Amino acid sequence: MSAGAAPSIEQLRQLPLPAPVSYWPQTWGWLALLAVVAALAAWAAWRIARWHRRNQYRRTGLRKLEALRLAAQSDPLAARGLPELLKRVGLSSVAAADRARVGALSGGEWVAFMTAGSGAFPPDADALLRALAYAPPEALRAIDPERVRQLFAASRQWMERHHVAA
């Protein structure tokens, strides 16, 4: 630079910007981690979908149980559907190989099967279920509503907590 020449503003230039940073992983380790995370997410989604599908019968049973309970509050004869609903839910909860065995259960054996799943049924549940299924309408009107309410509560607890076959 010579002593007589003064720098001017026209000589300044803008500095070049660096290349933009890529969002794509730079090493194989990040790609492997991405693959593992994607596989775990797919597996978790599959398990959740399988669990949801396997418990569809339970959600349907609980909805029908609630409808029966509400109907039985105004009409005691509506409780007649409870034994059938419990049997349907019980058959849906076991493996296909055990359905014939579970379908043949009745009375105390049926209540013992349900009690093994939750332990919630009152001691006279087999007699009450038999009465609901087979007693004449006059006999149903004579049943204590508190006993029926307890049976509905035990049925709800059983439907919510019993084990589902694999």
Protein backbone atom coordinates (compact mmCIF):
# COMPACT_ATOMS: atom_id res chain seq x y z
CA MET A 1 0.00 0.00 0.00
CA SER A 2 1.45 3.28 -0.90
CA ALA A 3 1.61 6.15 1.54
CA GLY A 4 -0.38 8.48 -0.66
CA ALA A 5 -3.31 6.20 -1.43
CA ALA A 6 -6.07 6.15 1.19
CA PRO A 7 -8.38 3.19 1.39
CA SER A 8 -11.87 3.78 0.07
CA ILE A 9 -15.16 2.23 0.95
CA GLU A 10 -15.56 0.90 -2.60
CA GLN A 11 -12.73 -1.53 -1.97
CA LEU A 12 -14.65 -3.40 0.76
CA ARG A 13 -16.29 -6.68 -0.19
CA GLN A 14 -18.86 -8.75 1.65
CA LEU A 15 -17.47 -11.92 3.22
CA PRO A 16 -18.81 -15.16 1.75
CA LEU A 17 -21.29 -17.10 3.93
CA PRO A 18 -20.40 -20.66 4.95
CA ALA A 19 -22.26 -23.55 3.31
CA PRO A 20 -25.64 -24.32 4.96
CA VAL A 21 -25.60 -27.06 7.59
CA SER A 22 -27.27 -30.25 6.41
CA TYR A 23 -29.94 -31.84 8.58
CA TRP A 24 -29.09 -35.26 7.22
CA PRO A 25 -26.95 -37.38 9.59
CA GLN A 26 -23.27 -37.24 8.74
CA THR A 27 -22.21 -40.65 10.05
CA TRP A 28 -23.50 -44.22 9.88
CA GLY A 29 -24.05 -44.25 13.67
CA TRP A 30 -26.84 -41.71 13.40
CA LEU A 31 -28.41 -43.69 10.57
CA ALA A 32 -28.27 -46.84 12.68
CA LEU A 33 -29.85 -45.01 15.62
CA LEU A 34 -32.57 -43.66 13.33
CA ALA A 35 -33.27 -47.21 12.07
CA VAL A 36 -33.48 -48.58 15.63
CA VAL A 37 -35.83 -45.79 16.75
CA ALA A 38 -38.03 -46.31 13.67
CA ALA A 39 -38.16 -50.07 14.34
CA LEU A 40 -39.06 -49.52 18.00
CA ALA A 41 -41.78 -47.04 17.04
CA ALA A 42 -43.24 -49.50 14.52
CA TRP A 43 -43.16 -52.32 17.09
CA ALA A 44 -44.86 -50.13 19.73
CA ALA A 45 -47.56 -49.09 17.24
CA TRP A 46 -48.15 -52.73 16.34
CA ARG A 47 -48.43 -53.75 20.03
CA ILE A 48 -50.86 -50.92 20.80
CA ALA A 49 -53.02 -51.80 17.78
CA ARG A 50 -52.99 -55.48 18.78
CA TRP A 51 -53.94 -54.64 22.38
CA HIS A 52 -56.72 -52.36 21.18
CA ARG A 53 -58.08 -55.04 18.83
CA ARG A 54 -57.89 -57.77 21.51
CA ASN A 55 -59.85 -55.63 23.98
CA GLN A 56 -62.64 -54.63 21.61
CA TYR A 57 -64.93 -57.30 23.08
CA ARG A 58 -64.30 -55.86 26.56
CA ARG A 59 -65.26 -52.31 25.56
CA THR A 60 -68.38 -53.58 23.81
CA GLY A 61 -69.30 -55.71 26.82
CA LEU A 62 -68.88 -52.78 29.21
CA ARG A 63 -71.08 -50.57 27.03
CA LYS A 64 -73.79 -53.26 26.92
CA LEU A 65 -73.45 -53.84 30.67
CA GLU A 66 -73.99 -50.15 31.37
CA ALA A 67 -77.05 -50.10 29.08
CA LEU A 68 -78.43 -53.17 30.90
CA ARG A 69 -77.78 -51.62 34.29
CA LEU A 70 -79.60 -48.43 33.37
CA ALA A 71 -82.51 -50.39 31.93
CA ALA A 72 -82.68 -52.64 35.01
CA GLN A 73 -83.02 -49.63 37.29
CA SER A 74 -86.43 -48.88 35.82
CA ASP A 75 -87.46 -52.41 34.77
CA PRO A 76 -86.18 -55.41 36.78
CA LEU A 77 -86.90 -57.73 33.83
CA ALA A 78 -84.17 -56.00 31.81
CA ALA A 79 -81.58 -57.70 34.04
CA ARG A 80 -82.38 -60.96 32.25
CA GLY A 81 -79.73 -60.10 29.69
CA LEU A 82 -76.89 -60.12 32.24
CA PRO A 83 -76.16 -63.90 32.27
CA GLU A 84 -76.00 -64.00 28.47
CA LEU A 85 -73.76 -60.94 28.33
CA LEU A 86 -71.38 -62.44 30.90
CA LYS A 87 -71.21 -65.69 28.95
CA ARG A 88 -70.49 -63.84 25.69
CA VAL A 89 -67.71 -61.82 27.29
CA GLY A 90 -66.31 -64.94 28.94
CA LEU A 91 -66.26 -66.84 25.65
CA SER A 92 -64.60 -63.92 23.91
CA SER A 93 -61.87 -63.75 26.53
CA VAL A 94 -60.56 -67.30 26.14
CA ALA A 95 -58.54 -68.91 23.38
CA ALA A 96 -60.49 -70.63 20.60
CA ALA A 97 -59.39 -74.06 21.87
CA ASP A 98 -60.98 -73.42 25.29
CA ARG A 99 -64.31 -72.00 24.08
CA ALA A 100 -66.13 -75.34 24.12
CA ARG A 101 -64.98 -76.03 27.68
CA VAL A 102 -65.90 -72.55 28.92
CA GLY A 103 -69.20 -72.61 27.03
CA ALA A 104 -70.21 -75.77 28.89
CA LEU A 105 -69.65 -74.21 32.33
CA SER A 106 -72.76 -73.35 34.31
CA GLY A 107 -73.84 -72.54 37.85
CA GLY A 108 -71.09 -72.66 40.42
CA GLU A 109 -68.44 -73.69 37.88
CA TRP A 110 -69.22 -70.62 35.75
CA VAL A 111 -69.05 -68.30 38.76
CA ALA A 112 -65.79 -69.99 39.84
CA PHE A 113 -64.38 -69.32 36.35
CA MET A 114 -65.33 -65.65 36.62
CA THR A 115 -64.16 -65.39 40.24
CA ALA A 116 -60.75 -66.74 39.19
CA GLY A 117 -60.47 -63.70 36.93
CA SER A 118 -61.29 -61.05 39.52
CA GLY A 119 -62.58 -62.53 42.77
CA ALA A 120 -65.37 -59.97 42.89
CA PHE A 121 -68.58 -61.99 42.72
CA PRO A 122 -70.81 -62.34 45.79
CA PRO A 123 -71.29 -65.83 47.26
CA ASP A 124 -74.84 -66.19 45.92
CA ALA A 125 -73.96 -65.09 42.39
CA ASP A 126 -74.67 -68.50 40.82
CA ALA A 127 -78.20 -68.63 42.26
CA LEU A 128 -78.85 -65.03 41.28
CA LEU A 129 -77.60 -65.57 37.72
CA ARG A 130 -79.72 -68.71 37.43
CA ALA A 131 -82.75 -66.78 38.66
CA LEU A 132 -82.11 -63.96 36.21
CA ALA A 133 -81.86 -66.41 33.34
CA TYR A 134 -84.71 -68.80 34.12
CA ALA A 135 -87.06 -67.49 36.83
CA PRO A 136 -90.55 -66.31 35.90
CA PRO A 137 -91.10 -62.54 35.75
CA GLU A 138 -92.91 -62.48 39.11
CA ALA A 139 -89.90 -64.01 40.85
CA LEU A 140 -87.58 -61.44 39.26
CA ARG A 141 -89.61 -58.58 40.65
CA ALA A 142 -89.20 -60.10 44.13
CA ILE A 143 -85.37 -60.12 43.99
CA ASP A 144 -83.74 -57.48 46.17
CA PRO A 145 -82.52 -54.65 43.89
CA GLU A 146 -79.41 -54.27 46.07
CA ARG A 147 -78.34 -57.84 45.22
CA VAL A 148 -78.80 -57.12 41.52
CA ARG A 149 -76.82 -53.88 41.88
CA GLN A 150 -73.99 -55.79 43.58
CA LEU A 151 -74.05 -58.37 40.78
CA PHE A 152 -73.81 -55.61 38.17
CA ALA A 153 -70.90 -54.02 40.06
CA ALA A 154 -69.10 -57.38 40.30
CA SER A 155 -69.74 -58.02 36.61
CA ARG A 156 -68.27 -54.64 35.71
CA GLN A 157 -65.20 -55.31 37.84
CA TRP A 158 -64.76 -58.72 36.23
CA MET A 159 -65.07 -57.33 32.70
CA GLU A 160 -62.53 -54.61 33.44
CA ARG A 161 -59.95 -56.85 35.15
CA HIS A 162 -60.10 -60.42 33.84
CA HIS A 163 -57.12 -61.84 31.97
CA VAL A 164 -57.29 -62.07 28.19
CA ALA A 165 -56.06 -65.26 26.57
CA ALA A 166 -53.03 -64.91 24.30
